Amino acid sequence: MSITNLTPSQLRRAAELKEKIDSLEQELASLIGSSAAVSGTVATKGKKSKFGPEAIARIRAGQKARWAKFNAAKGDATSAKPAKKIKKARKMSPEGLARIRAAQKARWAKVKSAKAVKAN
């Protein structure tokens, strides 16, 4: 269930429970004597980065270049490069179309005559 789908009364109840949990964690920490009692929260281990700052900079630069290329191809006005002009499809000449139609008619005539011979 998402937090955005909760009613105001459910949100108040959740906040009360969170405060209760925090106070119980503090009480437990004070009984145990850990450093969590001083800070007021349970100490969590920090997430170790898998990449160094230089690697992250290279990754960011590459991703920025990929998006710039994508936006340029899309024709976005904010992109750095102008979009490439798309070539129009070639149109077939009437003579070429007539040759293709004649050849196709000849092929079909050949197929139909072969079927007629087999049928007899």
PDB file of N, CA and C in Angstrom:
ATOM      1  N   MET A   1       0.846  -1.169   0.000  1.00  0.00           N
ATOM      2  CA  MET A   1       0.000   0.000   0.000  1.00  0.00           C
ATOM      3  C   MET A   1       0.891   1.232   0.000  1.00  0.00           C
ATOM      4  N   SER A   2       0.570   2.177  -0.838  1.00  0.00           N
ATOM      5  CA  SER A   2       1.347   3.396  -0.957  1.00  0.00           C
ATOM      6  C   SER A   2       0.920   4.406   0.101  1.00  0.00           C
ATOM      7  N   ILE A   3       1.850   5.249   0.505  1.00  0.00           N
ATOM      8  CA  ILE A   3       1.548   6.269   1.510  1.00  0.00           C
ATOM      9  C   ILE A   3       0.587   7.307   0.950  1.00  0.00           C
ATOM     10  N   THR A   4       0.551   7.461  -0.368  1.00  0.00           N
ATOM     11  CA  THR A   4      -0.353   8.439  -0.979  1.00  0.00           C
ATOM     12  C   THR A   4      -1.804   8.002  -0.910  1.00  0.00           C
ATOM     13  N   ASN A   5      -2.059   6.730  -0.685  1.00  0.00           N
ATOM     14  CA  ASN A   5      -3.421   6.212  -0.635  1.00  0.00           C
ATOM     15  C   ASN A   5      -3.999   6.185   0.774  1.00  0.00           C
ATOM     16  N   LEU A   6      -3.242   6.642   1.773  1.00  0.00           N
ATOM     17  CA  LEU A   6      -3.695   6.594   3.157  1.00  0.00           C
ATOM     18  C   LEU A   6      -4.599   7.786   3.481  1.00  0.00           C
ATOM     19  N   THR A   7      -5.536   7.552   4.371  1.00  0.00           N
ATOM     20  CA  THR A   7      -6.404   8.626   4.833  1.00  0.00           C
ATOM     21  C   THR A   7      -5.669   9.431   5.898  1.00  0.00           C
ATOM     22  N   PRO A   8      -6.148  10.633   6.189  1.00  0.00           N
ATOM     23  CA  PRO A   8      -5.469  11.438   7.216  1.00  0.00           C
ATOM     24  C   PRO A   8      -5.398  10.746   8.577  1.00  0.00           C
ATOM     25  N   SER A   9      -6.450  10.025   8.954  1.00  0.00           N
ATOM     26  CA  SER A   9      -6.419   9.330  10.245  1.00  0.00           C
ATOM     27  C   SER A   9      -5.379   8.210  10.232  1.00  0.00           C
ATOM     28  N   GLN A  10      -5.237   7.536   9.111  1.00  0.00           N
ATOM     29  CA  GLN A  10      -4.224   6.485   9.004  1.00  0.00           C
ATOM     30  C   GLN A  10      -2.817   7.090   9.075  1.00  0.00           C
ATOM     31  N   LEU A  11      -2.647   8.264   8.455  1.00  0.00           N
ATOM     32  CA  LEU A  11      -1.338   8.927   8.507  1.00  0.00           C
ATOM     33  C   LEU A  11      -0.995   9.351   9.937  1.00  0.00           C
ATOM     34  N   ARG A  12      -1.985   9.882  10.680  1.00  0.00           N
ATOM     35  CA  ARG A  12      -1.745  10.255  12.070  1.00  0.00           C
ATOM     36  C   ARG A  12      -1.362   9.034  12.893  1.00  0.00           C
ATOM     37  N   ARG A  13      -2.068   7.933  12.672  1.00  0.00           N
ATOM     38  CA  ARG A  13      -1.782   6.682  13.399  1.00  0.00           C
ATOM     39  C   ARG A  13      -0.369   6.187  13.087  1.00  0.00           C
ATOM     40  N   ALA A  14       0.022   6.285  11.800  1.00  0.00           N
ATOM     41  CA  ALA A  14       1.368   5.864  11.407  1.00  0.00           C
ATOM     42  C   ALA A  14       2.423   6.735  12.075  1.00  0.00           C
ATOM     43  N   ALA A  15       2.169   8.041  12.160  1.00  0.00           N
ATOM     44  CA  ALA A  15       3.120   8.947  12.803  1.00  0.00           C
ATOM     45  C   ALA A  15       3.245   8.624  14.290  1.00  0.00           C
ATOM     46  N   GLU A  16       2.111   8.327  14.928  1.00  0.00           N
ATOM     47  CA  GLU A  16       2.147   7.956  16.349  1.00  0.00           C
ATOM     48  C   GLU A  16       2.964   6.685  16.568  1.00  0.00           C
ATOM     49  N   LEU A  17       2.735   5.699  15.694  1.00  0.00           N
ATOM     50  CA  LEU A  17       3.485   4.441  15.813  1.00  0.00           C
ATOM     51  C   LEU A  17       4.978   4.676  15.608  1.00  0.00           C
ATOM     52  N   LYS A  18       5.332   5.529  14.650  1.00  0.00           N
ATOM     53  CA  LYS A  18       6.739   5.826  14.386  1.00  0.00           C
ATOM     54  C   LYS A  18       7.377   6.478  15.612  1.00  0.00           C
ATOM     55  N   GLU A  19       6.671   7.425  16.243  1.00  0.00           N
ATOM     56  CA  GLU A  19       7.198   8.070  17.440  1.00  0.00           C
ATOM     57  C   GLU A  19       7.369   7.059  18.571  1.00  0.00           C
ATOM     58  N   LYS A  20       6.412   6.154  18.696  1.00  0.00           N
ATOM     59  CA  LYS A  20       6.486   5.132  19.739  1.00  0.00           C
ATOM     60  C   LYS A  20       7.687   4.207  19.502  1.00  0.00           C
ATOM     61  N   ILE A  21       7.888   3.826  18.258  1.00  0.00           N
ATOM     62  CA  ILE A  21       9.028   2.965  17.908  1.00  0.00           C
ATOM     63  C   ILE A  21      10.330   3.680  18.229  1.00  0.00           C
ATOM     64  N   ASP A  22      10.421   4.969  17.858  1.00  0.00           N
ATOM     65  CA  ASP A  22      11.641   5.738  18.136  1.00  0.00           C
ATOM     66  C   ASP A  22      11.920   5.812  19.634  1.00  0.00           C
ATOM     67  N   SER A  23      10.874   6.062  20.417  1.00  0.00           N
ATOM     68  CA  SER A  23      11.093   6.164  21.871  1.00  0.00           C
ATOM     69  C   SER A  23      11.505   4.813  22.453  1.00  0.00           C
ATOM     70  N   LEU A  24      10.908   3.712  21.958  1.00  0.00           N
ATOM     71  CA  LEU A  24      11.293   2.385  22.430  1.00  0.00           C
ATOM     72  C   LEU A  24      12.731   2.047  22.036  1.00  0.00           C
ATOM     73  N   GLU A  25      13.154   2.464  20.834  1.00  0.00           N
ATOM     74  CA  GLU A  25      14.531   2.222  20.406  1.00  0.00           C
ATOM     75  C   GLU A  25      15.507   2.996  21.291  1.00  0.00           C
ATOM     76  N   GLN A  26      15.132   4.228  21.637  1.00  0.00           N
ATOM     77  CA  GLN A  26      15.995   5.016  22.528  1.00  0.00           C
ATOM     78  C   GLN A  26      16.095   4.369  23.903  1.00  0.00           C
ATOM     79  N   GLU A  27      14.964   3.891  24.404  1.00  0.00           N
ATOM     80  CA  GLU A  27      14.959   3.239  25.720  1.00  0.00           C
ATOM     81  C   GLU A  27      15.810   1.979  25.699  1.00  0.00           C
ATOM     82  N   LEU A  28      15.692   1.200  24.632  1.00  0.00           N
ATOM     83  CA  LEU A  28      16.489  -0.016  24.496  1.00  0.00           C
ATOM     84  C   LEU A  28      17.971   0.326  24.421  1.00  0.00           C
ATOM     85  N   ALA A  29      18.288   1.340  23.646  1.00  0.00           N
ATOM     86  CA  ALA A  29      19.687   1.734  23.509  1.00  0.00           C
ATOM     87  C   ALA A  29      20.259   2.218  24.834  1.00  0.00           C
ATOM     88  N   SER A  30      19.445   2.923  25.619  1.00  0.00           N
ATOM     89  CA  SER A  30      19.954   3.397  26.911  1.00  0.00           C
ATOM     90  C   SER A  30      20.170   2.227  27.869  1.00  0.00           C
ATOM     91  N   LEU A  31      19.317   1.183  27.782  1.00  0.00           N
ATOM     92  CA  LEU A  31      19.504   0.001  28.624  1.00  0.00           C
ATOM     93  C   LEU A  31      20.755  -0.762  28.224  1.00  0.00           C
ATOM     94  N   ILE A  32      20.962  -0.881  26.931  1.00  0.00           N
ATOM     95  CA  ILE A  32      22.120  -1.624  26.433  1.00  0.00           C
ATOM     96  C   ILE A  32      23.384  -0.799  26.597  1.00  0.00           C
ATOM     97  N   GLY A  33      23.249   0.519  26.484  1.00  0.00           N
ATOM     98  CA  GLY A  33      24.407   1.395  26.653  1.00  0.00           C
ATOM     99  C   GLY A  33      25.148   1.635  25.354  1.00  0.00           C
ATOM    100  N   SER A  34      24.472   1.611  24.247  1.00  0.00           N
ATOM    101  CA  SER A  34      25.146   1.840  22.964  1.00  0.00           C
ATOM    102  C   SER A  34      25.163   3.317  22.636  1.00  0.00           C
ATOM    103  N   SER A  35      25.852   3.675  21.568  1.00  0.00           N
ATOM    104  CA  SER A  35      25.961   5.070  21.151  1.00  0.00           C
ATOM    105  C   SER A  35      24.685   5.569  20.495  1.00  0.00           C
ATOM    106  N   ALA A  36      23.741   4.686  20.209  1.00  0.00           N
ATOM    107  CA  ALA A  36      22.490   5.092  19.579  1.00  0.00           C
ATOM    108  C   ALA A  36      21.666   5.949  20.519  1.00  0.00           C
ATOM    109  N   ALA A  37      21.841   5.778  21.836  1.00  0.00           N
ATOM    110  CA  ALA A  37      21.089   6.560  22.812  1.00  0.00           C
ATOM    111  C   ALA A  37      21.494   8.022  22.745  1.00  0.00           C
ATOM    112  N   VAL A  38      22.743   8.295  22.428  1.00  0.00           N
ATOM    113  CA  VAL A  38      23.223   9.661  22.373  1.00  0.00           C
ATOM    114  C   VAL A  38      22.642  10.379  21.157  1.00  0.00           C
ATOM    115  N   SER A  39      22.644   9.717  20.012  1.00  0.00           N
ATOM    116  CA  SER A  39      22.185  10.363  18.791  1.00  0.00           C
ATOM    117  C   SER A  39      20.671  10.381  18.670  1.00  0.00           C
ATOM    118  N   GLY A  40      19.976   9.478  19.328  1.00  0.00           N
ATOM    119  CA  GLY A  40      18.527   9.450  19.270  1.00  0.00           C
ATOM    120  C   GLY A  40      17.992   8.513  18.205  1.00  0.00           C
ATOM    121  N   THR A  41      18.843   7.959  17.373  1.00  0.00           N
ATOM    122  CA  THR A  41      18.413   7.004  16.350  1.00  0.00           C
ATOM    123  C   THR A  41      19.355   5.819  16.359  1.00  0.00           C
ATOM    124  N   VAL A  42      18.918   4.757  15.752  1.00  0.00           N
ATOM    125  CA  VAL A  42      19.756   3.581  15.637  1.00  0.00           C
ATOM    126  C   VAL A  42      20.810   3.858  14.579  1.00  0.00           C
ATOM    127  N   ALA A  43      22.064   3.580  14.905  1.00  0.00           N
ATOM    128  CA  ALA A  43      23.145   3.820  13.961  1.00  0.00           C
ATOM    129  C   ALA A  43      23.047   2.827  12.813  1.00  0.00           C
ATOM    130  N   THR A  44      23.081   3.342  11.591  1.00  0.00           N
ATOM    131  CA  THR A  44      23.042   2.484  10.410  1.00  0.00           C
ATOM    132  C   THR A  44      24.351   2.611   9.666  1.00  0.00           C
ATOM    133  N   LYS A  45      24.704   1.558   9.004  1.00  0.00           N
ATOM    134  CA  LYS A  45      25.942   1.540   8.245  1.00  0.00           C
ATOM    135  C   LYS A  45      25.744   2.295   6.935  1.00  0.00           C
ATOM    136  N   GLY A  46      26.673   3.157   6.590  1.00  0.00           N
ATOM    137  CA  GLY A  46      26.578   3.920   5.352  1.00  0.00           C
ATOM    138  C   GLY A  46      26.782   3.033   4.138  1.00  0.00           C
ATOM    139  N   LYS A  47      26.155   3.403   3.046  1.00  0.00           N
ATOM    140  CA  LYS A  47      26.273   2.633   1.808  1.00  0.00           C
ATOM    141  C   LYS A  47      27.602   2.972   1.133  1.00  0.00           C
ATOM    142  N   LYS A  48      28.357   1.944   0.828  1.00  0.00           N
ATOM    143  CA  LYS A  48      29.645   2.136   0.185  1.00  0.00           C
ATOM    144  C   LYS A  48      29.442   2.295  -1.314  1.00  0.00           C
ATOM    145  N   SER A  49      30.074   3.298  -1.895  1.00  0.00           N
ATOM    146  CA  SER A  49      29.947   3.561  -3.322  1.00  0.00           C
ATOM    147  C   SER A  49      30.753   2.530  -4.107  1.00  0.00           C
ATOM    148  N   LYS A  50      30.190   2.055  -5.190  1.00  0.00           N
ATOM    149  CA  LYS A  50      30.889   1.076  -6.028  1.00  0.00           C
ATOM    150  C   LYS A  50      31.824   1.747  -7.019  1.00  0.00           C
ATOM    151  N   PHE A  51      31.586   3.036  -7.301  1.00  0.00           N
ATOM    152  CA  PHE A  51      32.386   3.761  -8.273  1.00  0.00           C
ATOM    153  C   PHE A  51      33.044   4.961  -7.615  1.00  0.00           C
ATOM    154  N   GLY A  52      34.216   5.293  -8.117  1.00  0.00           N
ATOM    155  CA  GLY A  52      34.904   6.477  -7.641  1.00  0.00           C
ATOM    156  C   GLY A  52      34.347   7.724  -8.307  1.00  0.00           C
ATOM    157  N   PRO A  53      34.755   8.901  -7.829  1.00  0.00           N
ATOM    158  CA  PRO A  53      34.245  10.149  -8.403  1.00  0.00           C
ATOM    159  C   PRO A  53      34.572  10.319  -9.890  1.00  0.00           C
ATOM    160  N   GLU A  54      35.763   9.860 -10.307  1.00  0.00           N
ATOM    161  CA  GLU A  54      36.141   9.981 -11.714  1.00  0.00           C
ATOM    162  C   GLU A  54      35.249   9.101 -12.595  1.00  0.00           C
ATOM    163  N   ALA A  55      34.976   7.888 -12.120  1.00  0.00           N
ATOM    164  CA  ALA A  55      34.129   6.968 -12.881  1.00  0.00           C
ATOM    165  C   ALA A  55      32.715   7.517 -12.989  1.00  0.00           C
ATOM    166  N   ILE A  56      32.212   8.080 -11.890  1.00  0.00           N
ATOM    167  CA  ILE A  56      30.866   8.652 -11.915  1.00  0.00           C
ATOM    168  C   ILE A  56      30.806   9.819 -12.898  1.00  0.00           C
ATOM    169  N   ALA A  57      31.873  10.638 -12.930  1.00  0.00           N
ATOM    170  CA  ALA A  57      31.920  11.771 -13.858  1.00  0.00           C
ATOM    171  C   ALA A  57      31.911  11.278 -15.307  1.00  0.00           C
ATOM    172  N   ARG A  58      32.662  10.211 -15.598  1.00  0.00           N
ATOM    173  CA  ARG A  58      32.677   9.651 -16.959  1.00  0.00           C
ATOM    174  C   ARG A  58      31.310   9.098 -17.339  1.00  0.00           C
ATOM    175  N   ILE A  59      30.661   8.409 -16.401  1.00  0.00           N
ATOM    176  CA  ILE A  59      29.336   7.840 -16.656  1.00  0.00           C
ATOM    177  C   ILE A  59      28.332   8.954 -16.932  1.00  0.00           C
ATOM    178  N   ARG A  60      28.377  10.012 -16.113  1.00  0.00           N
ATOM    179  CA  ARG A  60      27.459  11.141 -16.313  1.00  0.00           C
ATOM    180  C   ARG A  60      27.682  11.807 -17.659  1.00  0.00           C
ATOM    181  N   ALA A  61      28.952  12.002 -18.025  1.00  0.00           N
ATOM    182  CA  ALA A  61      29.264  12.647 -19.298  1.00  0.00           C
ATOM    183  C   ALA A  61      28.765  11.801 -20.470  1.00  0.00           C
ATOM    184  N   GLY A  62      28.970  10.492 -20.378  1.00  0.00           N
ATOM    185  CA  GLY A  62      28.504   9.600 -21.442  1.00  0.00           C
ATOM    186  C   GLY A  62      26.996   9.610 -21.561  1.00  0.00           C
ATOM    187  N   GLN A  63      26.307   9.584 -20.419  1.00  0.00           N
ATOM    188  CA  GLN A  63      24.842   9.592 -20.452  1.00  0.00           C
ATOM    189  C   GLN A  63      24.315  10.911 -21.007  1.00  0.00           C
ATOM    190  N   LYS A  64      24.974  11.997 -20.647  1.00  0.00           N
ATOM    191  CA  LYS A  64      24.565  13.307 -21.153  1.00  0.00           C
ATOM    192  C   LYS A  64      24.728  13.358 -22.673  1.00  0.00           C
ATOM    193  N   ALA A  65      25.820  12.778 -23.174  1.00  0.00           N
ATOM    194  CA  ALA A  65      26.049  12.744 -24.618  1.00  0.00           C
ATOM    195  C   ALA A  65      25.006  11.881 -25.320  1.00  0.00           C
ATOM    196  N   ARG A  66      24.643  10.743 -24.692  1.00  0.00           N
ATOM    197  CA  ARG A  66      23.615   9.883 -25.294  1.00  0.00           C
ATOM    198  C   ARG A  66      22.275  10.593 -25.374  1.00  0.00           C
ATOM    199  N   TRP A  67      21.916  11.315 -24.322  1.00  0.00           N
ATOM    200  CA  TRP A  67      20.639  12.050 -24.341  1.00  0.00           C
ATOM    201  C   TRP A  67      20.682  13.180 -25.355  1.00  0.00           C
ATOM    202  N   ALA A  68      21.818  13.846 -25.484  1.00  0.00           N
ATOM    203  CA  ALA A  68      21.933  14.921 -26.477  1.00  0.00           C
ATOM    204  C   ALA A  68      21.746  14.360 -27.882  1.00  0.00           C
ATOM    205  N   LYS A  69      22.347  13.205 -28.136  1.00  0.00           N
ATOM    206  CA  LYS A  69      22.202  12.561 -29.446  1.00  0.00           C
ATOM    207  C   LYS A  69      20.755  12.152 -29.692  1.00  0.00           C
ATOM    208  N   PHE A  70      20.108  11.612 -28.660  1.00  0.00           N
ATOM    209  CA  PHE A  70      18.711  11.204 -28.777  1.00  0.00           C
ATOM    210  C   PHE A  70      17.815  12.398 -29.061  1.00  0.00           C
ATOM    211  N   ASN A  71      18.025  13.484 -28.309  1.00  0.00           N
ATOM    212  CA  ASN A  71      17.204  14.681 -28.495  1.00  0.00           C
ATOM    213  C   ASN A  71      17.450  15.317 -29.856  1.00  0.00           C
ATOM    214  N   ALA A  72      18.689  15.244 -30.350  1.00  0.00           N
ATOM    215  CA  ALA A  72      18.981  15.794 -31.671  1.00  0.00           C
ATOM    216  C   ALA A  72      18.266  14.997 -32.752  1.00  0.00           C
ATOM    217  N   ALA A  73      18.232  13.679 -32.601  1.00  0.00           N
ATOM    218  CA  ALA A  73      17.556  12.835 -33.586  1.00  0.00           C
ATOM    219  C   ALA A  73      16.052  13.050 -33.526  1.00  0.00           C
ATOM    220  N   LYS A  74      15.542  13.343 -32.341  1.00  0.00           N
ATOM    221  CA  LYS A  74      14.109  13.546 -32.151  1.00  0.00           C
ATOM    222  C   LYS A  74      13.675  14.906 -32.672  1.00  0.00           C
ATOM    223  N   GLY A  75      14.621  15.837 -32.763  1.00  0.00           N
ATOM    224  CA  GLY A  75      14.287  17.174 -33.236  1.00  0.00           C
ATOM    225  C   GLY A  75      13.894  18.093 -32.109  1.00  0.00           C
ATOM    226  N   ASP A  76      14.417  17.859 -30.916  1.00  0.00           N
ATOM    227  CA  ASP A  76      14.121  18.682 -29.759  1.00  0.00           C
ATOM    228  C   ASP A  76      14.793  20.047 -29.909  1.00  0.00           C
ATOM    229  N   ALA A  77      14.088  21.113 -29.602  1.00  0.00           N
ATOM    230  CA  ALA A  77      14.623  22.461 -29.762  1.00  0.00           C
ATOM    231  C   ALA A  77      15.728  22.757 -28.756  1.00  0.00           C
ATOM    232  N   THR A  78      15.750  22.062 -27.626  1.00  0.00           N
ATOM    233  CA  THR A  78      16.754  22.332 -26.592  1.00  0.00           C
ATOM    234  C   THR A  78      18.040  21.561 -26.805  1.00  0.00           C
ATOM    235  N   SER A  79      18.104  20.719 -27.819  1.00  0.00           N
ATOM    236  CA  SER A  79      19.299  19.898 -28.024  1.00  0.00           C
ATOM    237  C   SER A  79      20.431  20.746 -28.590  1.00  0.00           C
ATOM    238  N   ALA A  80      21.647  20.255 -28.405  1.00  0.00           N
ATOM    239  CA  ALA A  80      22.824  20.992 -28.827  1.00  0.00           C
ATOM    240  C   ALA A  80      23.004  20.944 -30.346  1.00  0.00           C
ATOM    241  N   LYS A  81      22.746  19.813 -30.968  1.00  0.00           N
ATOM    242  CA  LYS A  81      22.953  19.644 -32.397  1.00  0.00           C
ATOM    243  C   LYS A  81      21.617  19.761 -33.130  1.00  0.00           C
ATOM    244  N   PRO A  82      21.645  20.295 -34.344  1.00  0.00           N
ATOM    245  CA  PRO A  82      20.405  20.315 -35.114  1.00  0.00           C
ATOM    246  C   PRO A  82      20.073  18.896 -35.600  1.00  0.00           C
ATOM    247  N   ALA A  83      18.816  18.627 -35.782  1.00  0.00           N
ATOM    248  CA  ALA A  83      18.391  17.298 -36.216  1.00  0.00           C
ATOM    249  C   ALA A  83      18.809  17.066 -37.662  1.00  0.00           C
ATOM    250  N   LYS A  84      19.132  15.803 -37.970  1.00  0.00           N
ATOM    251  CA  LYS A  84      19.498  15.453 -39.331  1.00  0.00           C
ATOM    252  C   LYS A  84      18.273  15.491 -40.225  1.00  0.00           C
ATOM    253  N   LYS A  85      18.479  15.892 -41.471  1.00  0.00           N
ATOM    254  CA  LYS A  85      17.371  15.951 -42.418  1.00  0.00           C
ATOM    255  C   LYS A  85      17.064  14.532 -42.892  1.00  0.00           C
ATOM    256  N   ILE A  86      15.813  14.173 -42.819  1.00  0.00           N
ATOM    257  CA  ILE A  86      15.391  12.821 -43.205  1.00  0.00           C
ATOM    258  C   ILE A  86      15.135  12.808 -44.712  1.00  0.00           C
ATOM    259  N   LYS A  87      15.725  11.812 -45.372  1.00  0.00           N
ATOM    260  CA  LYS A  87      15.539  11.686 -46.808  1.00  0.00           C
ATOM    261  C   LYS A  87      14.130  11.211 -47.107  1.00  0.00           C
ATOM    262  N   LYS A  88      13.546  11.757 -48.172  1.00  0.00           N
ATOM    263  CA  LYS A  88      12.234  11.308 -48.588  1.00  0.00           C
ATOM    264  C   LYS A  88      12.378   9.997 -49.343  1.00  0.00           C
ATOM    265  N   ALA A  89      11.342   9.175 -49.245  1.00  0.00           N
ATOM    266  CA  ALA A  89      11.366   7.898 -49.942  1.00  0.00           C
ATOM    267  C   ALA A  89      11.328   8.149 -51.452  1.00  0.00           C
ATOM    268  N   ARG A  90      12.057   7.340 -52.178  1.00  0.00           N
ATOM    269  CA  ARG A  90      12.058   7.485 -53.633  1.00  0.00           C
ATOM    270  C   ARG A  90      10.736   7.020 -54.202  1.00  0.00           C
ATOM    271  N   LYS A  91      10.324   7.664 -55.270  1.00  0.00           N
ATOM    272  CA  LYS A  91       9.107   7.253 -55.946  1.00  0.00           C
ATOM    273  C   LYS A  91       9.491   6.486 -57.202  1.00  0.00           C
ATOM    274  N   MET A  92       8.713   5.460 -57.473  1.00  0.00           N
ATOM    275  CA  MET A  92       8.981   4.628 -58.628  1.00  0.00           C
ATOM    276  C   MET A  92       8.407   5.281 -59.888  1.00  0.00           C
ATOM    277  N   SER A  93       9.137   5.173 -60.974  1.00  0.00           N
ATOM    278  CA  SER A  93       8.644   5.740 -62.230  1.00  0.00           C
ATOM    279  C   SER A  93       7.490   4.883 -62.752  1.00  0.00           C
ATOM    280  N   PRO A  94       6.615   5.464 -63.537  1.00  0.00           N
ATOM    281  CA  PRO A  94       5.503   4.681 -64.094  1.00  0.00           C
ATOM    282  C   PRO A  94       5.980   3.520 -64.976  1.00  0.00           C
ATOM    283  N   GLU A  95       7.101   3.727 -65.672  1.00  0.00           N
ATOM    284  CA  GLU A  95       7.628   2.652 -66.528  1.00  0.00           C
ATOM    285  C   GLU A  95       8.105   1.469 -65.686  1.00  0.00           C
ATOM    286  N   GLY A  96       8.805   1.783 -64.588  1.00  0.00           N
ATOM    287  CA  GLY A  96       9.287   0.721 -63.704  1.00  0.00           C
ATOM    288  C   GLY A  96       8.137  -0.046 -63.079  1.00  0.00           C
ATOM    289  N   LEU A  97       7.099   0.665 -62.661  1.00  0.00           N
ATOM    290  CA  LEU A  97       5.929   0.024 -62.090  1.00  0.00           C
ATOM    291  C   LEU A  97       5.235  -0.865 -63.116  1.00  0.00           C
ATOM    292  N   ALA A  98       5.164  -0.415 -64.354  1.00  0.00           N
ATOM    293  CA  ALA A  98       4.541  -1.215 -65.416  1.00  0.00           C
ATOM    294  C   ALA A  98       5.333  -2.499 -65.662  1.00  0.00           C
ATOM    295  N   ARG A  99       6.666  -2.417 -65.623  1.00  0.00           N
ATOM    296  CA  ARG A  99       7.497  -3.618 -65.815  1.00  0.00           C
ATOM    297  C   ARG A  99       7.254  -4.628 -64.691  1.00  0.00           C
ATOM    298  N   ILE A 100       7.184  -4.135 -63.456  1.00  0.00           N
ATOM    299  CA  ILE A 100       6.944  -5.038 -62.321  1.00  0.00           C
ATOM    300  C   ILE A 100       5.579  -5.694 -62.438  1.00  0.00           C
ATOM    301  N   ARG A 101       4.560  -4.926 -62.794  1.00  0.00           N
ATOM    302  CA  ARG A 101       3.213  -5.496 -62.947  1.00  0.00           C
ATOM    303  C   ARG A 101       3.175  -6.552 -64.044  1.00  0.00           C
ATOM    304  N   ALA A 102       3.840  -6.299 -65.165  1.00  0.00           N
ATOM    305  CA  ALA A 102       3.860  -7.256 -66.274  1.00  0.00           C
ATOM    306  C   ALA A 102       4.562  -8.548 -65.860  1.00  0.00           C
ATOM    307  N   ALA A 103       5.669  -8.412 -65.141  1.00  0.00           N
ATOM    308  CA  ALA A 103       6.406  -9.599 -64.696  1.00  0.00           C
ATOM    309  C   ALA A 103       5.571 -10.403 -63.711  1.00  0.00           C
ATOM    310  N   GLN A 104       4.854  -9.722 -62.801  1.00  0.00           N
ATOM    311  CA  GLN A 104       4.020 -10.423 -61.825  1.00  0.00           C
ATOM    312  C   GLN A 104       2.859 -11.144 -62.510  1.00  0.00           C
ATOM    313  N   LYS A 105       2.262 -10.523 -63.517  1.00  0.00           N
ATOM    314  CA  LYS A 105       1.171 -11.167 -64.270  1.00  0.00           C
ATOM    315  C   LYS A 105       1.685 -12.422 -64.977  1.00  0.00           C
ATOM    316  N   ALA A 106       2.903 -12.331 -65.509  1.00  0.00           N
ATOM    317  CA  ALA A 106       3.491 -13.484 -66.195  1.00  0.00           C
ATOM    318  C   ALA A 106       3.734 -14.623 -65.198  1.00  0.00           C
ATOM    319  N   ARG A 107       4.213 -14.290 -63.981  1.00  0.00           N
ATOM    320  CA  ARG A 107       4.439 -15.326 -62.971  1.00  0.00           C
ATOM    321  C   ARG A 107       3.137 -16.024 -62.594  1.00  0.00           C
ATOM    322  N   TRP A 108       2.089 -15.232 -62.362  1.00  0.00           N
ATOM    323  CA  TRP A 108       0.808 -15.822 -61.990  1.00  0.00           C
ATOM    324  C   TRP A 108       0.215 -16.662 -63.132  1.00  0.00           C
ATOM    325  N   ALA A 109       0.400 -16.215 -64.343  1.00  0.00           N
ATOM    326  CA  ALA A 109      -0.097 -16.999 -65.478  1.00  0.00           C
ATOM    327  C   ALA A 109       0.614 -18.348 -65.536  1.00  0.00           C
ATOM    328  N   LYS A 110       1.911 -18.339 -65.241  1.00  0.00           N
ATOM    329  CA  LYS A 110       2.697 -19.572 -65.250  1.00  0.00           C
ATOM    330  C   LYS A 110       2.208 -20.513 -64.139  1.00  0.00           C
ATOM    331  N   VAL A 111       1.943 -19.981 -62.938  1.00  0.00           N
ATOM    332  CA  VAL A 111       1.466 -20.797 -61.821  1.00  0.00           C
ATOM    333  C   VAL A 111       0.100 -21.391 -62.140  1.00  0.00           C
ATOM    334  N   LYS A 112      -0.795 -20.570 -62.694  1.00  0.00           N
ATOM    335  CA  LYS A 112      -2.143 -21.045 -63.005  1.00  0.00           C
ATOM    336  C   LYS A 112      -2.122 -22.114 -64.100  1.00  0.00           C
ATOM    337  N   SER A 113      -1.251 -21.934 -65.084  1.00  0.00           N
ATOM    338  CA  SER A 113      -1.182 -22.954 -66.141  1.00  0.00           C
ATOM    339  C   SER A 113      -0.606 -24.258 -65.606  1.00  0.00           C
ATOM    340  N   ALA A 114       0.327 -24.172 -64.632  1.00  0.00           N
ATOM    341  CA  ALA A 114       0.887 -25.396 -64.035  1.00  0.00           C
ATOM    342  C   ALA A 114      -0.183 -26.114 -63.222  1.00  0.00           C
ATOM    343  N   LYS A 115      -1.057 -25.380 -62.537  1.00  0.00           N
ATOM    344  CA  LYS A 115      -2.149 -26.002 -61.781  1.00  0.00           C
ATOM    345  C   LYS A 115      -3.149 -26.642 -62.728  1.00  0.00           C
ATOM    346  N   ALA A 116      -3.421 -25.991 -63.856  1.00  0.00           N
ATOM    347  CA  ALA A 116      -4.384 -26.541 -64.815  1.00  0.00           C
ATOM    348  C   ALA A 116      -3.869 -27.827 -65.421  1.00  0.00           C
ATOM    349  N   VAL A 117      -2.569 -27.916 -65.667  1.00  0.00           N
ATOM    350  CA  VAL A 117      -1.977 -29.129 -66.233  1.00  0.00           C
ATOM    351  C   VAL A 117      -2.057 -30.261 -65.219  1.00  0.00           C
ATOM    352  N   LYS A 118      -1.791 -29.974 -63.947  1.00  0.00           N
ATOM    353  CA  LYS A 118      -1.823 -30.989 -62.896  1.00  0.00           C
ATOM    354  C   LYS A 118      -3.256 -31.478 -62.665  1.00  0.00           C
ATOM    355  N   ALA A 119      -4.245 -30.573 -62.788  1.00  0.00           N
ATOM    356  CA  ALA A 119      -5.622 -30.938 -62.536  1.00  0.00           C
ATOM    357  C   ALA A 119      -6.151 -31.893 -63.606  1.00  0.00           C
ATOM    358  N   ASN A 120      -5.646 -31.803 -64.817  1.00  0.00           N
ATOM    359  CA  ASN A 120      -6.121 -32.668 -65.913  1.00  0.00           C
ATOM    360  C   ASN A 120      -5.436 -33.970 -65.910  1.00  0.00           C
TER     361      ASN A 120
END
